[in-house]
């Protein structure tokens, strides 16, 4: 298992541009399109939908009122997630 993980990491690291890495990350991110609960430290949680990952790796969410917010750190919980 460790060898397989290292092969994948080295394959990604060998790509010459950060954009390539971000596209790979986006294609494998299971959060995108999911209804989530955002759990900001010390603040009230809220419902949102994970809609994108920006070029810096931040998660972009759409809140129930249609506004978007960029999350650079924090915790989210997936609502109603069913693994394949």
Protein backbone atom coordinates (compact mmCIF):
# COMPACT_ATOMS: atom_id res chain seq x y z
CA UNK A 1 0.00 0.00 0.00
CA UNK A 2 2.80 2.41 0.89
CA UNK A 3 4.49 1.77 -2.45
CA UNK A 4 1.25 2.47 -4.34
CA UNK A 5 0.72 5.72 -2.46
CA UNK A 6 4.30 6.82 -3.14
CA UNK A 7 3.95 6.01 -6.85
CA UNK A 8 0.89 8.25 -7.04
CA UNK A 9 2.56 11.06 -5.09
CA UNK A 10 5.68 10.93 -7.28
CA UNK A 11 3.56 10.86 -10.45
CA UNK A 12 1.72 13.99 -9.35
CA UNK A 13 4.88 15.71 -8.12
CA UNK A 14 6.60 15.03 -11.44
CA UNK A 15 4.07 17.18 -13.28
CA UNK A 16 5.72 20.46 -14.24
CA UNK A 17 2.94 22.90 -13.39
CA UNK A 18 0.83 23.58 -10.31
CA UNK A 19 -2.26 23.86 -12.56
CA UNK A 20 -1.88 20.18 -13.43
CA UNK A 21 -1.86 19.26 -9.77
CA UNK A 22 -4.95 21.36 -9.04
CA UNK A 23 -6.88 19.80 -11.92
CA UNK A 24 -6.02 16.34 -10.59
CA UNK A 25 -7.09 17.41 -7.08
CA UNK A 26 -10.38 18.81 -8.36
CA UNK A 27 -11.14 15.68 -10.37
CA UNK A 28 -10.70 13.50 -7.27
CA UNK A 29 -12.40 15.74 -4.70
CA UNK A 30 -15.53 14.00 -3.41
CA UNK A 31 -16.87 17.18 -1.77
CA UNK A 32 -17.73 18.98 -4.99
CA UNK A 33 -21.45 18.99 -5.66
CA UNK A 34 -22.24 17.76 -2.14
CA UNK A 35 -24.56 19.41 0.36
CA UNK A 36 -22.41 20.14 3.41
CA UNK A 37 -22.50 21.71 6.83
CA UNK A 38 -19.72 24.23 7.40
CA UNK A 39 -18.40 24.16 10.96
CA UNK A 40 -16.37 27.35 11.44
CA UNK A 41 -14.40 27.33 14.68
CA UNK A 42 -16.21 29.25 17.40
CA UNK A 43 -19.03 30.39 15.10
CA UNK A 44 -22.46 29.03 14.24
CA UNK A 45 -22.52 26.28 11.61
CA UNK A 46 -24.40 26.75 8.33
CA UNK A 47 -25.59 24.72 5.37
CA UNK A 48 -23.99 25.13 1.94
CA UNK A 49 -23.09 23.30 -1.25
CA UNK A 50 -19.45 22.69 -2.22
CA UNK A 51 -19.21 24.03 -5.76
CA UNK A 52 -15.53 24.51 -6.65
CA UNK A 53 -11.91 24.58 -5.58
CA UNK A 54 -9.97 27.70 -6.51
CA UNK A 55 -6.38 27.79 -7.76
CA UNK A 56 -5.02 28.20 -4.22
CA UNK A 57 -6.84 25.07 -3.02
CA UNK A 58 -9.62 26.87 -1.13
CA UNK A 59 -13.12 25.38 -1.15
CA UNK A 60 -15.83 27.59 -2.65
CA UNK A 61 -19.30 27.02 -1.25
CA UNK A 62 -22.71 28.33 -2.22
CA UNK A 63 -24.92 29.22 0.73
CA UNK A 64 -28.70 28.82 0.80
CA UNK A 65 -29.18 32.50 -0.10
CA UNK A 66 -27.17 32.02 -3.32
CA UNK A 67 -24.08 33.88 -2.13
CA UNK A 68 -20.70 32.21 -2.41
CA UNK A 69 -17.94 32.07 0.16
CA UNK A 70 -14.32 30.92 -0.10
CA UNK A 71 -13.13 28.70 2.74
CA UNK A 72 -9.37 28.61 3.27
CA UNK A 73 -9.53 26.44 6.38
CA UNK A 74 -12.04 24.86 8.70
CA UNK A 75 -14.16 21.78 9.00
CA UNK A 76 -17.11 20.57 6.94
CA UNK A 77 -19.51 17.70 7.37
CA UNK A 78 -21.18 15.96 4.44
CA UNK A 79 -24.95 15.63 4.69
CA UNK A 80 -26.47 12.45 3.34
CA UNK A 81 -23.24 11.17 1.77
CA UNK A 82 -23.45 7.61 0.46
CA UNK A 83 -20.16 6.03 -0.55
CA UNK A 84 -20.13 4.07 -3.81
